[in-house]
Every structure is written in structure tokens, then in C-alpha cells.
Amino acid sequence: MVRKIALEYNVCMIEQLREHLRREPFQPFRIVTTSGPGFDVLTPEEVAIAETYLFYCYPRSDRSATVRLTQIVALESMPTAA
């Protein structure tokens, strides 16, 4: 039962992430996680979505992070530059 709920959550979160990444024009957003600071997505190229993980590449850096989709608790819109 718990696995079924987790799978349904993954599908829902993946769809929400894809919607944010496909927006035209793109609007930056923040990925909020259960384990501390979130990730600011300034361009769609910073994120890759796998079945159970999200891969995030920090802007202007060689650093990256791997986040389980079940650790994502919210997606927040960020103000766009004027």
C-alpha cells in the first residue's frame, strides 16, 4: 500500500515538474525538499527527471545534486527579472 502511494506521488510530482519546465515563457521556480535548502531552477536545462530521482545542475558550476522525487514537498514560483 505504501509503495502504491509513493508511486502515485511520483507520477503527480513528475507531471508538476514537467509542467513547470515546459512553460512558455519559462518562469523560474524553486524546488523545496524535506532535507533543507531548495534548488532554484533558473532555466529548464538545469533539471533532468528520472523515474524516481531528479538531477539538478547548479548554474555556472560543475556541481550537481541528486534528489529523490519523494523528498520534494513543493514547487514555488520565483519572481522574474524585470
C-alpha atoms as a PDB file:
ATOM      1  CA  MET A   1       0.000   0.000   0.000  1.00  0.00           C
ATOM      2  CA  VAL A   2       2.780   2.441   0.915  1.00  0.00           C
ATOM      3  CA  ARG A   3       4.594   1.656  -2.348  1.00  0.00           C
ATOM      4  CA  LYS A   4       1.398   2.368  -4.329  1.00  0.00           C
ATOM      5  CA  ILE A   5       1.003   5.760  -2.633  1.00  0.00           C
ATOM      6  CA  ALA A   6       4.669   6.576  -3.296  1.00  0.00           C
ATOM      7  CA  LEU A   7       4.306   5.647  -6.970  1.00  0.00           C
ATOM      8  CA  GLU A   8       1.181   7.804  -7.330  1.00  0.00           C
ATOM      9  CA  TYR A   9       3.025  10.687  -5.658  1.00  0.00           C
ATOM     10  CA  ASN A  10       5.974  10.255  -8.037  1.00  0.00           C
ATOM     11  CA  VAL A  11       3.680  10.416 -11.070  1.00  0.00           C
ATOM     12  CA  CYS A  12       1.986  13.554  -9.745  1.00  0.00           C
ATOM     13  CA  MET A  13       5.278  15.280  -8.851  1.00  0.00           C
ATOM     14  CA  ILE A  14       6.869  14.352 -12.182  1.00  0.00           C
ATOM     15  CA  GLU A  15       3.919  15.857 -14.050  1.00  0.00           C
ATOM     16  CA  GLN A  16       4.058  19.065 -11.989  1.00  0.00           C
ATOM     17  CA  LEU A  17       7.806  19.351 -12.623  1.00  0.00           C
ATOM     18  CA  ARG A  18       7.349  18.806 -16.353  1.00  0.00           C
ATOM     19  CA  GLU A  19       4.627  21.460 -16.474  1.00  0.00           C
ATOM     20  CA  HIS A  20       6.949  23.970 -14.813  1.00  0.00           C
ATOM     21  CA  LEU A  21       9.805  23.087 -17.167  1.00  0.00           C
ATOM     22  CA  ARG A  22       7.619  23.418 -20.310  1.00  0.00           C
ATOM     23  CA  ARG A  23       6.066  26.788 -19.519  1.00  0.00           C
ATOM     24  CA  GLU A  24       6.344  29.355 -22.280  1.00  0.00           C
ATOM     25  CA  PRO A  25       7.779  31.729 -21.442  1.00  0.00           C
ATOM     26  CA  PHE A  26       9.749  29.848 -18.828  1.00  0.00           C
ATOM     27  CA  GLN A  27       9.249  31.103 -15.281  1.00  0.00           C
ATOM     28  CA  PRO A  28      11.955  30.333 -12.699  1.00  0.00           C
ATOM     29  CA  PHE A  29      10.836  28.225  -9.760  1.00  0.00           C
ATOM     30  CA  ARG A  30      12.212  26.711  -6.585  1.00  0.00           C
ATOM     31  CA  ILE A  31      12.175  23.021  -5.723  1.00  0.00           C
ATOM     32  CA  VAL A  32      11.526  22.694  -1.981  1.00  0.00           C
ATOM     33  CA  THR A  33      12.748  19.497  -0.319  1.00  0.00           C
ATOM     34  CA  THR A  34      12.326  17.816   3.032  1.00  0.00           C
ATOM     35  CA  SER A  35      16.053  17.987   3.738  1.00  0.00           C
ATOM     36  CA  GLY A  36      16.958  21.644   3.886  1.00  0.00           C
ATOM     37  CA  PRO A  37      17.595  24.277   1.256  1.00  0.00           C
ATOM     38  CA  GLY A  38      15.752  24.090  -2.005  1.00  0.00           C
ATOM     39  CA  PHE A  39      17.000  24.340  -5.565  1.00  0.00           C
ATOM     40  CA  ASP A  40      16.396  27.417  -7.711  1.00  0.00           C
ATOM     41  CA  VAL A  41      15.649  26.419 -11.302  1.00  0.00           C
ATOM     42  CA  LEU A  42      16.538  29.401 -13.484  1.00  0.00           C
ATOM     43  CA  THR A  43      16.483  27.547 -16.826  1.00  0.00           C
ATOM     44  CA  PRO A  44      14.913  24.233 -17.875  1.00  0.00           C
ATOM     45  CA  GLU A  45      18.343  22.843 -18.763  1.00  0.00           C
ATOM     46  CA  GLU A  46      19.314  22.693 -15.075  1.00  0.00           C
ATOM     47  CA  VAL A  47      16.994  19.732 -14.374  1.00  0.00           C
ATOM     48  CA  ALA A  48      16.696  16.156 -15.619  1.00  0.00           C
ATOM     49  CA  ILE A  49      13.898  13.918 -14.363  1.00  0.00           C
ATOM     50  CA  ALA A  50      14.336  10.167 -13.979  1.00  0.00           C
ATOM     51  CA  GLU A  51      11.764   7.654 -12.722  1.00  0.00           C
ATOM     52  CA  THR A  52      12.431   8.186  -9.015  1.00  0.00           C
ATOM     53  CA  TYR A  53      15.134  10.890  -8.950  1.00  0.00           C
ATOM     54  CA  LEU A  54      15.682  14.432 -10.108  1.00  0.00           C
ATOM     55  CA  PHE A  55      19.133  15.558 -11.213  1.00  0.00           C
ATOM     56  CA  TYR A  56      19.900  19.234 -10.644  1.00  0.00           C
ATOM     57  CA  CYS A  57      22.881  21.103 -12.106  1.00  0.00           C
ATOM     58  CA  TYR A  58      23.864  24.260 -10.265  1.00  0.00           C
ATOM     59  CA  PRO A  59      24.085  27.303 -12.582  1.00  0.00           C
ATOM     60  CA  ARG A  60      27.569  28.404 -13.697  1.00  0.00           C
ATOM     61  CA  SER A  61      29.163  25.458 -11.891  1.00  0.00           C
ATOM     62  CA  ASP A  62      30.260  21.866 -12.317  1.00  0.00           C
ATOM     63  CA  ARG A  63      28.336  20.906  -9.176  1.00  0.00           C
ATOM     64  CA  SER A  64      25.183  18.808  -9.277  1.00  0.00           C
ATOM     65  CA  ALA A  65      22.727  17.208  -6.881  1.00  0.00           C
ATOM     66  CA  THR A  66      20.551  14.117  -6.974  1.00  0.00           C
ATOM     67  CA  VAL A  67      17.201  14.341  -5.192  1.00  0.00           C
ATOM     68  CA  ARG A  68      14.634  11.601  -4.678  1.00  0.00           C
ATOM     69  CA  LEU A  69      11.275  12.684  -6.025  1.00  0.00           C
ATOM     70  CA  THR A  70       9.694  11.633  -2.723  1.00  0.00           C
ATOM     71  CA  GLN A  71      11.851  14.280  -0.969  1.00  0.00           C
ATOM     72  CA  ILE A  72      10.262  17.095  -2.978  1.00  0.00           C
ATOM     73  CA  VAL A  73       7.491  18.716  -0.978  1.00  0.00           C
ATOM     74  CA  ALA A  74       6.635  21.737  -3.136  1.00  0.00           C
ATOM     75  CA  LEU A  75       7.382  23.792  -6.221  1.00  0.00           C
ATOM     76  CA  GLU A  76       7.367  27.565  -5.653  1.00  0.00           C
ATOM     77  CA  SER A  77       7.255  30.248  -8.329  1.00  0.00           C
ATOM     78  CA  MET A  78      10.034  32.799  -8.204  1.00  0.00           C
ATOM     79  CA  PRO A  79       9.807  36.413  -9.312  1.00  0.00           C
ATOM     80  CA  THR A  80      11.079  37.025 -12.817  1.00  0.00           C
ATOM     81  CA  ALA A  81      13.671  39.694 -13.540  1.00  0.00           C
ATOM     82  CA  ALA A  82      12.164  42.917 -14.818  1.00  0.00           C
END
